[in-house]
């Protein structure tokens, strides 16, 4: 359930905007700040995650392509960057992202996910999410 909530929070901003189709125009830029509670996989403690995200949205011939770049911080002292993409072509919606954060103690967190939804059958074909401590400090 938490994975679906995170997906909705990260995908919703660009789904709510009507973007005019254009062949070679620059993408529409949408910036947003998103915050949610989560668990630090290195310590097990709760912390608040804040993502300052910029969506670069391009719509052409019924296909929506969104590139996402963002900076992340947590209330427990982590900071980092990440990227993601979203594609909707009328048959499927695909969303993927990878984030890497570190704190001053040398702890590192990697968050990654891939979600593919079949719009014809209204089912999730791929639903993978990982939140991993990939290095610990002292």
N, C-alpha and C. Protein backbone atom coordinates (compact mmCIF):
# COMPACT_ATOMS: atom_id res chain seq x y z
N UNK A 1 0.82 -1.19 0.00
CA UNK A 1 0.00 0.00 0.00
C UNK A 1 0.87 1.26 0.00
N UNK A 2 1.96 1.25 0.80
CA UNK A 2 2.84 2.42 0.84
C UNK A 2 3.46 2.68 -0.52
N UNK A 3 3.81 1.60 -1.25
CA UNK A 3 4.39 1.77 -2.58
C UNK A 3 3.41 2.45 -3.52
N UNK A 4 2.15 2.05 -3.47
CA UNK A 4 1.14 2.65 -4.33
C UNK A 4 0.95 4.12 -3.98
N UNK A 5 0.96 4.44 -2.68
CA UNK A 5 0.83 5.83 -2.27
C UNK A 5 1.99 6.66 -2.79
N UNK A 6 3.22 6.15 -2.67
CA UNK A 6 4.39 6.87 -3.18
C UNK A 6 4.28 7.06 -4.68
N UNK A 7 3.87 6.02 -5.40
CA UNK A 7 3.70 6.12 -6.85
C UNK A 7 2.70 7.21 -7.20
N UNK A 8 1.57 7.22 -6.50
CA UNK A 8 0.54 8.23 -6.78
C UNK A 8 1.07 9.62 -6.49
N UNK A 9 1.77 9.79 -5.36
CA UNK A 9 2.33 11.10 -5.02
C UNK A 9 3.32 11.59 -6.06
N UNK A 10 4.12 10.68 -6.60
CA UNK A 10 5.15 11.09 -7.55
C UNK A 10 4.64 11.21 -8.98
N UNK A 11 3.58 10.46 -9.32
CA UNK A 11 3.07 10.50 -10.68
C UNK A 11 1.93 11.50 -10.86
N UNK A 12 1.20 11.80 -9.80
CA UNK A 12 0.01 12.65 -9.91
C UNK A 12 0.27 14.05 -10.43
N UNK A 13 1.34 14.73 -10.03
CA UNK A 13 1.49 16.12 -10.48
C UNK A 13 1.45 16.31 -11.99
N UNK A 14 2.08 15.43 -12.75
CA UNK A 14 2.06 15.64 -14.19
C UNK A 14 0.81 15.06 -14.84
N UNK A 15 0.09 14.18 -14.18
CA UNK A 15 -1.14 13.64 -14.73
C UNK A 15 -2.28 14.66 -14.63
N UNK A 16 -2.16 15.61 -13.71
CA UNK A 16 -3.23 16.59 -13.51
C UNK A 16 -3.15 17.78 -14.46
N UNK A 17 -2.06 17.93 -15.17
CA UNK A 17 -1.88 19.09 -16.04
C UNK A 17 -2.20 18.73 -17.47
N UNK A 18 -2.99 19.58 -18.11
CA UNK A 18 -3.24 19.40 -19.54
C UNK A 18 -2.08 20.05 -20.28
N UNK A 19 -1.38 19.26 -21.06
CA UNK A 19 -0.23 19.74 -21.80
C UNK A 19 -0.55 19.66 -23.28
N UNK A 20 -0.43 20.77 -23.97
CA UNK A 20 -0.76 20.80 -25.39
C UNK A 20 0.25 19.99 -26.19
N UNK A 21 -0.22 19.16 -27.13
CA UNK A 21 0.70 18.39 -27.97
C UNK A 21 1.58 19.30 -28.83
N UNK A 22 2.82 18.86 -29.01
CA UNK A 22 3.74 19.62 -29.85
C UNK A 22 4.82 18.67 -30.35
N UNK A 23 5.16 18.79 -31.63
CA UNK A 23 6.11 17.86 -32.24
C UNK A 23 7.52 18.04 -31.70
N UNK A 24 8.05 19.26 -31.78
CA UNK A 24 9.44 19.46 -31.38
C UNK A 24 9.57 20.56 -30.35
N UNK A 25 8.47 20.91 -29.70
CA UNK A 25 8.52 21.95 -28.69
C UNK A 25 9.27 21.46 -27.46
N UNK A 26 9.74 22.41 -26.69
CA UNK A 26 10.36 22.07 -25.43
C UNK A 26 9.31 21.47 -24.51
N UNK A 27 9.74 20.58 -23.60
CA UNK A 27 8.78 20.01 -22.66
C UNK A 27 8.27 21.07 -21.69
N UNK A 28 7.08 20.84 -21.18
CA UNK A 28 6.52 21.68 -20.15
C UNK A 28 7.18 21.30 -18.83
N UNK A 29 7.58 22.30 -18.05
CA UNK A 29 8.25 22.05 -16.78
C UNK A 29 7.27 22.27 -15.63
N UNK A 30 7.21 21.30 -14.74
CA UNK A 30 6.35 21.38 -13.56
C UNK A 30 7.22 21.07 -12.35
N UNK A 31 7.25 21.97 -11.38
CA UNK A 31 8.02 21.76 -10.16
C UNK A 31 7.08 21.59 -8.98
N UNK A 32 7.49 20.73 -8.05
CA UNK A 32 6.65 20.47 -6.89
C UNK A 32 7.52 19.96 -5.75
N UNK A 33 7.05 20.19 -4.54
CA UNK A 33 7.70 19.62 -3.36
C UNK A 33 6.74 18.62 -2.73
N UNK A 34 7.23 17.41 -2.48
CA UNK A 34 6.42 16.34 -1.94
C UNK A 34 7.07 15.84 -0.66
N UNK A 35 6.30 15.68 0.43
CA UNK A 35 6.82 15.15 1.68
C UNK A 35 5.96 14.00 2.15
N UNK A 36 6.60 13.01 2.79
CA UNK A 36 5.88 11.87 3.34
C UNK A 36 6.73 11.19 4.40
N UNK A 37 6.10 10.50 5.36
CA UNK A 37 6.86 9.77 6.36
C UNK A 37 7.37 8.45 5.79
N UNK A 38 8.53 8.01 6.25
CA UNK A 38 9.09 6.73 5.81
C UNK A 38 10.01 6.20 6.90
N UNK A 39 10.61 5.06 6.67
CA UNK A 39 11.52 4.43 7.62
C UNK A 39 12.92 4.41 7.02
N UNK A 40 13.90 4.83 7.80
CA UNK A 40 15.31 4.77 7.41
C UNK A 40 15.73 3.30 7.44
N UNK A 41 16.08 2.71 6.29
CA UNK A 41 16.44 1.29 6.28
C UNK A 41 17.78 1.00 6.97
N UNK A 42 18.58 2.03 7.23
CA UNK A 42 19.87 1.83 7.92
C UNK A 42 19.70 1.78 9.43
N UNK A 43 18.70 2.50 9.96
CA UNK A 43 18.53 2.57 11.42
C UNK A 43 17.19 2.00 11.89
N UNK A 44 16.21 1.94 11.00
CA UNK A 44 14.86 1.51 11.39
C UNK A 44 14.03 2.62 11.99
N UNK A 45 14.59 3.83 12.08
CA UNK A 45 13.87 4.97 12.65
C UNK A 45 12.97 5.64 11.62
N UNK A 46 11.88 6.21 12.09
CA UNK A 46 10.99 7.00 11.24
C UNK A 46 11.65 8.33 10.90
N UNK A 47 11.42 8.80 9.68
CA UNK A 47 11.85 10.15 9.32
C UNK A 47 10.93 10.66 8.22
N UNK A 48 10.98 11.97 8.02
CA UNK A 48 10.17 12.62 6.99
C UNK A 48 11.06 12.81 5.76
N UNK A 49 10.57 12.38 4.61
CA UNK A 49 11.29 12.52 3.34
C UNK A 49 10.67 13.68 2.57
N UNK A 50 11.51 14.56 2.06
CA UNK A 50 11.04 15.68 1.23
C UNK A 50 11.74 15.59 -0.11
N UNK A 51 10.95 15.63 -1.18
CA UNK A 51 11.47 15.56 -2.53
C UNK A 51 11.13 16.86 -3.24
N UNK A 52 12.14 17.55 -3.71
CA UNK A 52 11.98 18.75 -4.53
C UNK A 52 12.16 18.28 -5.97
N UNK A 53 11.05 18.16 -6.69
CA UNK A 53 11.07 17.47 -7.98
C UNK A 53 10.70 18.42 -9.12
N UNK A 54 11.34 18.20 -10.26
CA UNK A 54 10.98 18.90 -11.49
C UNK A 54 10.61 17.85 -12.53
N UNK A 55 9.40 17.97 -13.07
CA UNK A 55 8.91 17.08 -14.12
C UNK A 55 9.07 17.81 -15.46
N UNK A 56 9.61 17.14 -16.45
CA UNK A 56 9.72 17.67 -17.81
C UNK A 56 8.76 16.84 -18.66
N UNK A 57 7.61 17.43 -19.00
CA UNK A 57 6.50 16.71 -19.62
C UNK A 57 6.43 17.01 -21.10
N UNK A 58 6.33 15.94 -21.90
CA UNK A 58 6.17 16.08 -23.35
C UNK A 58 5.04 15.16 -23.80
N UNK A 59 4.09 15.73 -24.53
CA UNK A 59 2.96 14.96 -25.07
C UNK A 59 2.96 15.11 -26.57
N UNK A 60 2.86 13.97 -27.28
CA UNK A 60 2.83 14.01 -28.74
C UNK A 60 2.10 12.78 -29.26
N UNK A 61 1.13 12.98 -30.12
CA UNK A 61 0.37 11.89 -30.74
C UNK A 61 -0.17 10.90 -29.72
N UNK A 62 -0.70 11.39 -28.62
CA UNK A 62 -1.31 10.52 -27.62
C UNK A 62 -0.34 9.82 -26.69
N UNK A 63 0.94 10.12 -26.79
CA UNK A 63 1.94 9.51 -25.92
C UNK A 63 2.49 10.60 -24.99
N UNK A 64 2.50 10.28 -23.71
CA UNK A 64 3.05 11.20 -22.72
C UNK A 64 4.38 10.63 -22.22
N UNK A 65 5.41 11.46 -22.27
CA UNK A 65 6.72 11.07 -21.75
C UNK A 65 7.14 12.13 -20.74
N UNK A 66 7.50 11.67 -19.55
CA UNK A 66 7.89 12.58 -18.50
C UNK A 66 9.24 12.15 -17.94
N UNK A 67 10.16 13.08 -17.88
CA UNK A 67 11.44 12.85 -17.22
C UNK A 67 11.39 13.61 -15.91
N UNK A 68 11.93 13.01 -14.88
CA UNK A 68 11.84 13.58 -13.54
C UNK A 68 13.25 13.68 -12.97
N UNK A 69 13.61 14.85 -12.47
CA UNK A 69 14.87 15.04 -11.75
C UNK A 69 14.52 15.66 -10.40
N UNK A 70 15.24 15.23 -9.36
CA UNK A 70 14.86 15.72 -8.05
C UNK A 70 16.00 15.64 -7.05
N UNK A 71 15.83 16.44 -6.01
CA UNK A 71 16.72 16.42 -4.86
C UNK A 71 15.90 15.97 -3.67
N UNK A 72 16.54 15.17 -2.81
CA UNK A 72 15.84 14.62 -1.65
C UNK A 72 16.55 15.01 -0.37
N UNK A 73 15.79 15.23 0.68
CA UNK A 73 16.33 15.43 2.02
C UNK A 73 15.42 14.69 3.00
N UNK A 74 15.98 14.38 4.16
CA UNK A 74 15.17 13.75 5.20
C UNK A 74 15.36 14.51 6.51
N UNK A 75 14.41 14.34 7.40
CA UNK A 75 14.49 14.99 8.71
C UNK A 75 15.61 14.39 9.56
N UNK A 76 16.14 13.23 9.16
CA UNK A 76 17.23 12.59 9.92
C UNK A 76 18.61 12.90 9.35
N UNK A 77 18.70 13.80 8.34
CA UNK A 77 20.00 14.28 7.89
C UNK A 77 20.51 13.72 6.57
N UNK A 78 19.73 12.93 5.87
CA UNK A 78 20.14 12.44 4.56
C UNK A 78 19.87 13.50 3.49
N UNK A 79 20.67 13.47 2.43
CA UNK A 79 20.38 14.28 1.25
C UNK A 79 20.92 13.53 0.04
N UNK A 80 20.34 13.83 -1.12
CA UNK A 80 20.78 13.16 -2.33
C UNK A 80 19.97 13.58 -3.53
N UNK A 81 20.14 12.81 -4.59
CA UNK A 81 19.49 13.11 -5.87
C UNK A 81 18.89 11.85 -6.46
N UNK A 82 18.05 12.08 -7.46
CA UNK A 82 17.46 10.94 -8.14
C UNK A 82 16.89 11.34 -9.48
N UNK A 83 16.54 10.33 -10.25
CA UNK A 83 15.92 10.55 -11.55
C UNK A 83 14.77 9.56 -11.70
N UNK A 84 13.91 9.84 -12.63
CA UNK A 84 12.81 8.94 -12.91
C UNK A 84 12.21 9.24 -14.27
N UNK A 85 11.36 8.33 -14.73
CA UNK A 85 10.66 8.55 -16.00
C UNK A 85 9.28 7.93 -15.92
N UNK A 86 8.39 8.48 -16.74
CA UNK A 86 7.02 8.01 -16.85
C UNK A 86 6.66 8.01 -18.32
N UNK A 87 6.05 6.93 -18.80
CA UNK A 87 5.57 6.87 -20.19
C UNK A 87 4.15 6.33 -20.16
N UNK A 88 3.26 6.99 -20.87
CA UNK A 88 1.89 6.52 -21.04
C UNK A 88 1.57 6.58 -22.52
N UNK A 89 1.28 5.41 -23.10
CA UNK A 89 1.04 5.36 -24.55
C UNK A 89 -0.38 4.91 -24.92
N UNK A 90 -1.28 4.89 -23.96
CA UNK A 90 -2.65 4.47 -24.23
C UNK A 90 -2.90 3.01 -23.92
N UNK A 91 -1.85 2.22 -23.88
CA UNK A 91 -1.98 0.79 -23.55
C UNK A 91 -1.35 0.46 -22.20
N UNK A 92 -0.23 1.12 -21.89
CA UNK A 92 0.43 0.91 -20.60
C UNK A 92 0.89 2.25 -20.03
N UNK A 93 1.08 2.25 -18.72
CA UNK A 93 1.75 3.33 -18.03
C UNK A 93 2.95 2.70 -17.34
N UNK A 94 4.13 3.29 -17.55
CA UNK A 94 5.36 2.77 -16.95
C UNK A 94 6.03 3.90 -16.18
N UNK A 95 6.41 3.60 -14.95
CA UNK A 95 7.07 4.57 -14.10
C UNK A 95 8.28 3.89 -13.48
N UNK A 96 9.45 4.53 -13.55
CA UNK A 96 10.65 3.99 -12.90
C UNK A 96 11.44 5.14 -12.29
N UNK A 97 12.15 4.81 -11.20
CA UNK A 97 12.97 5.84 -10.55
C UNK A 97 14.11 5.18 -9.80
N UNK A 98 15.16 5.96 -9.56
CA UNK A 98 16.29 5.55 -8.73
C UNK A 98 16.75 6.79 -7.95
N UNK A 99 16.88 6.63 -6.64
CA UNK A 99 17.33 7.70 -5.76
C UNK A 99 18.50 7.21 -4.93
N UNK A 100 19.44 8.09 -4.65
CA UNK A 100 20.57 7.76 -3.78
C UNK A 100 20.75 8.90 -2.78
N UNK A 101 20.81 8.56 -1.49
CA UNK A 101 20.96 9.54 -0.43
C UNK A 101 22.09 9.12 0.51
N UNK A 102 22.69 10.08 1.19
CA UNK A 102 23.74 9.79 2.18
C UNK A 102 23.61 10.78 3.33
N UNK A 103 24.09 10.35 4.51
CA UNK A 103 24.14 11.26 5.65
C UNK A 103 25.60 11.50 6.04
N UNK A 104 25.83 12.34 7.03
CA UNK A 104 27.19 12.70 7.45
C UNK A 104 27.93 11.53 8.10
N UNK A 105 27.22 10.51 8.56
CA UNK A 105 27.85 9.34 9.19
C UNK A 105 28.32 8.31 8.17
N UNK A 106 28.00 8.53 6.91
CA UNK A 106 28.38 7.58 5.88
C UNK A 106 27.30 6.56 5.53
N UNK A 107 26.13 6.65 6.17
CA UNK A 107 25.02 5.79 5.80
C UNK A 107 24.51 6.21 4.42
N UNK A 108 24.18 5.23 3.59
CA UNK A 108 23.64 5.51 2.26
C UNK A 108 22.37 4.71 2.04
N UNK A 109 21.41 5.35 1.40
CA UNK A 109 20.13 4.71 1.09
C UNK A 109 19.93 4.75 -0.42
N UNK A 110 19.50 3.62 -0.96
CA UNK A 110 19.10 3.58 -2.37
C UNK A 110 17.63 3.19 -2.42
N UNK A 111 16.84 4.01 -3.10
CA UNK A 111 15.43 3.71 -3.34
C UNK A 111 15.26 3.56 -4.84
N UNK A 112 14.60 2.49 -5.26
CA UNK A 112 14.36 2.30 -6.69
C UNK A 112 13.03 1.58 -6.88
N UNK A 113 12.44 1.82 -8.02
CA UNK A 113 11.17 1.17 -8.30
C UNK A 113 10.86 1.16 -9.77
N UNK A 114 10.08 0.15 -10.17
CA UNK A 114 9.56 0.03 -11.52
C UNK A 114 8.11 -0.41 -11.39
N UNK A 115 7.22 0.32 -12.04
CA UNK A 115 5.80 0.01 -12.02
C UNK A 115 5.28 0.05 -13.46
N UNK A 116 4.64 -1.01 -13.89
CA UNK A 116 4.04 -1.06 -15.22
C UNK A 116 2.58 -1.46 -15.06
N UNK A 117 1.67 -0.64 -15.56
CA UNK A 117 0.25 -0.89 -15.47
C UNK A 117 -0.33 -1.08 -16.86
N UNK A 118 -1.07 -2.16 -17.05
CA UNK A 118 -1.77 -2.45 -18.30
C UNK A 118 -3.11 -1.74 -18.24
N UNK A 119 -3.30 -0.74 -19.10
CA UNK A 119 -4.52 0.05 -19.07
C UNK A 119 -5.72 -0.72 -19.63
N UNK A 120 -5.48 -1.68 -20.54
CA UNK A 120 -6.58 -2.46 -21.10
C UNK A 120 -7.22 -3.36 -20.05
N UNK A 121 -6.40 -4.00 -19.23
CA UNK A 121 -6.93 -4.92 -18.23
C UNK A 121 -6.99 -4.30 -16.83
N UNK A 122 -6.49 -3.06 -16.69
CA UNK A 122 -6.48 -2.36 -15.41
C UNK A 122 -5.75 -3.17 -14.34
N UNK A 123 -4.60 -3.73 -14.71
CA UNK A 123 -3.82 -4.54 -13.77
C UNK A 123 -2.36 -4.10 -13.77
N UNK A 124 -1.72 -4.32 -12.65
CA UNK A 124 -0.29 -4.06 -12.54
C UNK A 124 0.46 -5.25 -13.12
N UNK A 125 1.32 -5.01 -14.09
CA UNK A 125 2.14 -6.06 -14.70
C UNK A 125 3.48 -6.20 -13.98
N UNK A 126 4.03 -5.07 -13.54
CA UNK A 126 5.29 -5.07 -12.79
C UNK A 126 5.09 -4.11 -11.62
N UNK A 127 5.48 -4.54 -10.43
CA UNK A 127 5.38 -3.71 -9.24
C UNK A 127 6.56 -4.04 -8.34
N UNK A 128 7.67 -3.34 -8.56
CA UNK A 128 8.89 -3.58 -7.78
C UNK A 128 9.33 -2.30 -7.10
N UNK A 129 9.64 -2.42 -5.84
CA UNK A 129 10.12 -1.28 -5.07
C UNK A 129 11.15 -1.79 -4.07
N UNK A 130 12.28 -1.10 -3.98
CA UNK A 130 13.32 -1.45 -3.01
C UNK A 130 13.80 -0.21 -2.30
N UNK A 131 13.88 -0.31 -0.99
CA UNK A 131 14.47 0.72 -0.15
C UNK A 131 15.55 0.01 0.64
N UNK A 132 16.84 0.31 0.32
CA UNK A 132 17.95 -0.49 0.82
C UNK A 132 19.02 0.38 1.46
N UNK A 133 19.55 -0.08 2.59
CA UNK A 133 20.74 0.52 3.17
C UNK A 133 21.93 -0.09 2.46
N UNK A 134 22.68 0.70 1.70
CA UNK A 134 23.78 0.15 0.89
C UNK A 134 25.15 0.49 1.49
N UNK A 135 25.17 1.10 2.63
CA UNK A 135 26.44 1.37 3.29
C UNK A 135 26.20 2.00 4.62
N UNK A 136 26.98 1.61 5.58
CA UNK A 136 26.82 2.16 6.92
C UNK A 136 28.05 2.88 7.38
N UNK A 137 27.82 3.88 8.19
CA UNK A 137 28.92 4.64 8.76
C UNK A 137 29.39 4.01 10.06
N UNK A 138 29.92 4.82 10.88
CA UNK A 138 30.50 4.35 12.15
C UNK A 138 29.49 3.78 13.10
